[in-house]
Amino acid sequence: MRGKSQLLMETEHILAKGSGRINEDTLVMEKNLFGVFDGAASLDKAFFGSKKTGGMIASSTACSVFSKNHYPLIELAKAANKAINDEMISHGVNLSARESLWSTSAAVVRLRKKGLEWIQTGDSFIILIYRDNSYRILTQRDDHDFETLSIWKSMSESSTILIHEALADQIRKTRYGMNISYGVLNGEKEAETFLKSGVESLEDVKEVLVFTDGLNIPVETPEKEKNFDILVERFLSLGLKGLKEHIREIEKNDPRCIKYPRFKCHDDIAAICIRPDI
């Protein structure tokens, strides 16, 4: 979809459910604020209310807090983290059992005249694409799923079960690294230390791409540090909708996640493209 904001910018977005029963990704587009959130359900697979997962509630809660668009982004992130904690308490979640915690990644930008505030945690991303088609990722870190996907790559062809069964202990080990080796919003105070934020000039920026990891193009060999060259190239040639369809076609031809190691055939996607007119 496309629209015009008061700051004379063109926007386009995608919110698409993956292979799961519900979409745990959410997005916010509120005046000059744009953000995406990728919820992760607890490992105990608990459901709440009308069959909502904790991941869905976590991402929706963060989205709701950021939609107020009234405080600095760092303060909104802290408020979102606390709101997730409050939601878990109200739903009777045992906060001392880390496998029961809900979580969400976040990538949010707020556009000002010729400038951009941003904040990020977890595996959601912000890319600035310049008029010469070069790009810059605003924050980069090692992929916390690299070890798990590398193990799956080595055994997937001979495995008779899917990755979540075959590597349940490894996945649990990685999840226990929340706000120890990587950041997420999950109600823990430690989440604040993993928040990355900044202010950037929009000079020569033609597009700002904010997206969850479902928009990543599948790769045959897991990458410790993701390379976004092909993603940006495909985005520039195909557009946001075309990129999503390109990804879905690759995934469809590898339903057991063997050629392209990943956790499920189709991941949820939340993505926003902003084209500032400055």
Protein backbone atom coordinates (compact mmCIF):
# COMPACT_ATOMS: atom_id res chain seq x y z
CA MET A 1 0.00 0.00 0.00
CA ARG A 2 1.05 3.59 -0.59
CA GLY A 3 0.26 6.81 1.16
CA LYS A 4 1.38 10.40 1.72
CA SER A 5 2.27 11.76 5.16
CA GLN A 6 2.34 15.40 6.26
CA LEU A 7 6.12 15.38 5.85
CA LEU A 8 5.79 14.69 2.12
CA MET A 9 7.10 11.17 2.05
CA GLU A 10 5.89 8.18 0.12
CA THR A 11 5.45 4.94 2.01
CA GLU A 12 4.87 1.32 1.10
CA HIS A 13 4.46 -1.63 3.44
CA ILE A 14 3.94 -5.37 3.67
CA LEU A 15 2.50 -7.39 6.56
CA ALA A 16 2.37 -11.06 5.59
CA LYS A 17 1.73 -14.22 7.60
CA GLY A 18 4.15 -17.09 7.15
CA SER A 19 3.62 -20.83 7.67
CA GLY A 20 2.30 -20.45 11.20
CA ARG A 21 -1.33 -20.25 12.29
CA ILE A 22 -1.06 -16.55 13.13
CA ASN A 23 1.19 -13.64 12.22
CA GLU A 24 3.47 -12.73 15.12
CA ASP A 25 4.93 -9.73 13.25
CA THR A 26 3.36 -6.30 13.58
CA LEU A 27 4.10 -2.84 12.23
CA VAL A 28 3.32 0.76 13.11
CA MET A 29 2.95 3.73 10.75
CA GLU A 30 1.97 6.73 12.86
CA LYS A 31 2.55 10.14 11.25
CA ASN A 32 6.35 10.36 11.04
CA LEU A 33 7.08 7.16 13.01
CA PHE A 34 7.52 3.77 11.35
CA GLY A 35 8.44 0.48 13.00
CA VAL A 36 8.36 -3.29 12.72
CA PHE A 37 8.24 -5.93 15.45
CA ASP A 38 8.92 -9.68 15.23
CA GLY A 39 7.37 -11.58 18.11
CA ALA A 40 8.75 -14.88 19.38
CA ALA A 41 6.47 -17.22 21.29
CA SER A 42 7.64 -18.88 24.46
CA LEU A 43 9.26 -22.29 24.11
CA ASP A 44 6.58 -23.86 26.29
CA LYS A 45 4.15 -23.16 23.40
CA ALA A 46 1.51 -21.64 25.68
CA PHE A 47 -1.56 -19.92 24.22
CA PHE A 48 -3.54 -17.08 25.76
CA GLY A 49 -7.04 -15.70 25.30
CA SER A 50 -8.38 -16.45 21.84
CA LYS A 51 -5.44 -18.68 20.93
CA LYS A 52 -2.89 -15.86 20.89
CA THR A 53 0.78 -16.70 21.32
CA GLY A 54 3.04 -14.77 23.65
CA GLY A 55 5.03 -13.63 20.64
CA MET A 56 1.96 -12.09 19.06
CA ILE A 57 1.05 -10.30 22.30
CA ALA A 58 4.64 -9.09 22.78
CA SER A 59 4.94 -7.61 19.29
CA SER A 60 1.45 -6.08 19.45
CA THR A 61 2.19 -4.58 22.87
CA ALA A 62 5.42 -2.99 21.66
CA CYS A 63 3.64 -1.72 18.55
CA SER A 64 0.92 -0.11 20.66
CA VAL A 65 3.43 1.71 22.88
CA PHE A 66 5.44 3.06 19.95
CA SER A 67 2.26 4.18 18.16
CA LYS A 68 1.83 6.90 20.81
CA ASN A 69 4.82 8.62 19.18
CA HIS A 70 5.19 11.09 22.05
CA TYR A 71 8.58 10.43 23.67
CA PRO A 72 12.17 9.86 22.49
CA LEU A 73 12.50 6.42 20.90
CA ILE A 74 14.76 5.14 23.67
CA GLU A 75 12.05 5.97 26.22
CA LEU A 76 9.37 4.32 24.09
CA ALA A 77 11.51 1.18 23.86
CA LYS A 78 11.91 1.06 27.64
CA ALA A 79 8.17 1.63 28.05
CA ALA A 80 7.42 -1.14 25.54
CA ASN A 81 9.71 -3.53 27.41
CA LYS A 82 7.96 -2.75 30.70
CA ALA A 83 4.54 -3.13 29.07
CA ILE A 84 5.52 -6.61 27.86
CA ASN A 85 6.56 -7.48 31.41
CA ASP A 86 3.21 -6.21 32.72
CA GLU A 87 1.31 -8.24 30.10
CA MET A 88 3.16 -11.42 31.07
CA ILE A 89 2.34 -10.85 34.72
CA SER A 90 -1.33 -10.23 33.93
CA HIS A 91 -1.42 -13.47 31.91
CA GLY A 92 0.14 -15.49 34.73
CA VAL A 93 3.49 -16.18 33.05
CA ASN A 94 6.21 -17.52 35.35
CA LEU A 95 8.90 -14.86 34.86
CA SER A 96 11.56 -16.99 36.54
CA ALA A 97 11.26 -19.62 33.78
CA ARG A 98 13.07 -18.07 30.82
CA GLU A 99 11.56 -20.57 28.38
CA SER A 100 8.17 -19.06 29.25
CA LEU A 101 9.09 -15.46 28.45
CA TRP A 102 7.58 -13.70 25.46
CA SER A 103 9.81 -11.52 23.32
CA THR A 104 9.96 -9.32 20.26
CA SER A 105 12.60 -7.68 18.15
CA ALA A 106 12.10 -4.07 17.09
CA ALA A 107 13.30 -1.62 14.46
CA VAL A 108 11.77 1.85 14.54
CA VAL A 109 12.53 5.15 12.81
CA ARG A 110 11.14 8.65 13.28
CA LEU A 111 11.65 11.07 10.42
CA ARG A 112 12.32 14.75 10.95
CA LYS A 113 13.14 17.39 8.38
CA LYS A 114 16.41 16.13 6.85
CA GLY A 115 17.02 13.80 9.80
CA LEU A 116 16.07 10.39 11.14
CA GLU A 117 15.98 9.01 14.70
CA TRP A 118 16.22 5.26 15.00
CA ILE A 119 16.25 2.44 17.54
CA GLN A 120 16.76 -1.29 17.08
CA THR A 121 17.06 -4.52 19.01
CA GLY A 122 17.05 -8.17 17.95
CA ASP A 123 16.85 -9.37 14.36
CA SER A 124 14.87 -6.57 12.77
CA PHE A 125 16.76 -4.19 10.54
CA ILE A 126 17.05 -0.65 9.17
CA ILE A 127 18.77 0.06 5.86
CA LEU A 128 19.40 3.47 4.30
CA ILE A 129 19.59 3.36 0.50
CA TYR A 130 21.27 6.32 -1.18
CA ARG A 131 20.68 8.01 -4.53
CA ASP A 132 23.69 6.22 -6.04
CA ASN A 133 22.13 2.86 -4.95
CA SER A 134 24.75 2.27 -2.27
CA TYR A 135 23.37 1.38 1.14
CA ARG A 136 24.17 1.31 4.84
CA ILE A 137 22.79 -0.97 7.52
CA LEU A 138 22.35 1.12 10.66
CA THR A 139 23.39 -1.58 13.08
CA GLN A 140 24.92 -4.98 12.46
CA ARG A 141 25.68 -7.84 14.81
CA ASP A 142 26.35 -11.55 14.67
CA ASP A 143 23.27 -13.66 13.91
CA HIS A 144 22.37 -15.43 17.16
CA ASP A 145 20.87 -18.31 15.13
CA PHE A 146 24.08 -18.91 13.16
CA GLU A 147 25.20 -21.87 15.28
CA THR A 148 21.78 -23.55 15.19
CA LEU A 149 21.37 -23.14 11.44
CA SER A 150 24.92 -24.34 10.80
CA ILE A 151 24.21 -27.53 12.75
CA TRP A 152 20.98 -27.99 10.80
CA LYS A 153 22.84 -27.49 7.53
CA SER A 154 25.17 -30.37 8.39
CA MET A 155 22.38 -32.81 9.26
CA SER A 156 19.21 -31.71 7.45
CA GLU A 157 19.50 -34.02 4.44
CA SER A 158 19.68 -37.12 6.63
CA SER A 159 17.17 -35.99 9.26
CA THR A 160 13.74 -37.59 9.30
CA ILE A 161 12.31 -34.88 11.56
CA LEU A 162 12.09 -31.10 11.27
CA ILE A 163 14.51 -28.63 12.81
CA HIS A 164 12.42 -27.78 15.89
CA GLU A 165 12.34 -31.44 16.95
CA ALA A 166 15.87 -32.33 15.86
CA LEU A 167 17.51 -29.34 17.54
CA ALA A 168 15.15 -28.60 20.43
CA ASP A 169 17.97 -28.44 22.99
CA GLN A 170 20.10 -26.20 20.78
CA ILE A 171 17.17 -23.85 20.17
CA ARG A 172 16.52 -23.71 23.92
CA LYS A 173 20.19 -22.90 24.55
CA THR A 174 20.00 -19.99 22.09
CA ARG A 175 16.77 -18.67 23.60
CA TYR A 176 18.42 -18.66 27.02
CA GLY A 177 20.93 -16.18 25.55
CA MET A 178 18.26 -13.45 25.42
CA ASN A 179 19.71 -10.20 26.78
CA ILE A 180 22.94 -12.02 27.58
CA SER A 181 24.45 -12.52 24.14
CA TYR A 182 21.81 -10.72 22.05
CA GLY A 183 18.98 -8.32 22.70
CA VAL A 184 15.19 -8.55 22.57
CA LEU A 185 12.31 -6.81 24.31
CA ASN A 186 11.10 -9.46 26.77
CA GLY A 187 10.35 -7.56 29.95
CA GLU A 188 13.82 -8.02 31.45
CA LYS A 189 15.63 -4.87 32.63
CA GLU A 190 18.75 -6.17 30.86
CA ALA A 191 17.00 -5.60 27.52
CA GLU A 192 17.81 -1.89 27.83
CA THR A 193 21.56 -2.49 27.55
CA PHE A 194 21.11 -4.08 24.11
CA LEU A 195 19.16 -1.19 22.59
CA LYS A 196 20.98 0.42 19.66
CA SER A 197 19.95 3.94 18.67
CA GLY A 198 21.11 7.04 16.88
CA VAL A 199 20.37 10.00 14.65
CA GLU A 200 21.19 10.05 10.93
CA SER A 201 21.16 12.64 8.18
CA LEU A 202 18.78 12.02 5.30
CA GLU A 203 21.00 13.82 2.84
CA ASP A 204 21.17 11.79 -0.39
CA VAL A 205 18.93 9.08 1.14
CA LYS A 206 16.27 8.00 -1.36
CA GLU A 207 14.74 5.11 0.59
CA VAL A 208 14.62 3.86 4.17
CA LEU A 209 13.85 0.15 4.51
CA VAL A 210 12.68 -1.15 7.90
CA PHE A 211 11.96 -4.87 8.10
CA THR A 212 11.80 -8.06 10.15
CA ASP A 213 14.00 -11.02 9.29
CA GLY A 214 11.28 -12.67 7.21
CA LEU A 215 12.35 -10.34 4.39
CA ASN A 216 15.86 -11.81 4.36
CA ILE A 217 16.59 -13.75 1.18
CA PRO A 218 17.30 -17.42 2.06
CA VAL A 219 20.95 -18.48 1.70
CA GLU A 220 22.40 -21.96 1.33
CA THR A 221 25.19 -21.38 3.84
CA PRO A 222 24.33 -19.69 7.16
CA GLU A 223 26.06 -16.35 7.68
CA LYS A 224 27.44 -15.25 11.05
CA GLU A 225 27.08 -11.65 9.88
CA LYS A 226 24.34 -11.16 7.34
CA ASN A 227 25.18 -9.70 3.94
CA PHE A 228 22.43 -7.51 2.50
CA ASP A 229 23.89 -6.90 -0.97
CA ILE A 230 21.49 -9.23 -2.79
CA LEU A 231 18.49 -8.09 -0.74
CA VAL A 232 19.12 -4.45 -1.67
CA GLU A 233 19.79 -5.37 -5.30
CA ARG A 234 16.53 -7.34 -5.55
CA PHE A 235 14.60 -4.63 -3.73
CA LEU A 236 15.84 -1.97 -6.16
CA SER A 237 14.97 -4.10 -9.18
CA LEU A 238 11.74 -5.75 -8.00
CA GLY A 239 10.29 -3.36 -5.43
CA LEU A 240 9.05 -4.36 -1.99
CA LYS A 241 6.17 -6.56 -3.18
CA GLY A 242 8.35 -8.17 -5.85
CA LEU A 243 11.06 -8.92 -3.29
CA LYS A 244 8.53 -10.61 -1.02
CA GLU A 245 7.23 -12.75 -3.90
CA HIS A 246 10.82 -13.65 -4.87
CA ILE A 247 11.50 -14.84 -1.32
CA ARG A 248 8.27 -16.85 -1.13
CA GLU A 249 9.10 -18.62 -4.40
CA ILE A 250 12.53 -19.67 -3.09
CA GLU A 251 10.99 -20.91 0.16
CA LYS A 252 8.16 -22.77 -1.59
CA ASN A 253 10.68 -24.90 -3.47
CA ASP A 254 12.41 -25.92 -0.22
CA PRO A 255 9.55 -26.77 2.18
CA ARG A 256 11.68 -28.85 4.56
CA CYS A 257 14.27 -26.09 4.93
CA ILE A 258 17.09 -28.35 3.70
CA LYS A 259 18.71 -26.39 0.87
CA TYR A 260 18.22 -23.08 2.66
CA PRO A 261 18.56 -23.68 6.43
CA ARG A 262 15.82 -21.86 8.37
CA PHE A 263 13.21 -22.61 11.02
CA LYS A 264 10.07 -22.86 8.90
CA CYS A 265 9.08 -22.79 5.26
CA HIS A 266 7.68 -19.25 5.30
CA ASP A 267 8.47 -16.71 8.01
CA ASP A 268 6.17 -13.83 8.88
CA ILE A 269 7.15 -10.54 7.23
CA ALA A 270 6.69 -6.95 8.33
CA ALA A 271 8.40 -4.37 6.14
CA ILE A 272 8.10 -0.64 5.45
CA CYS A 273 9.74 1.42 2.73
CA ILE A 274 9.87 5.20 3.26
CA ARG A 275 10.88 7.55 0.47
CA PRO A 276 11.57 10.96 2.02
CA ASP A 277 11.01 13.97 -0.20
CA ILE A 278 13.66 16.40 1.03
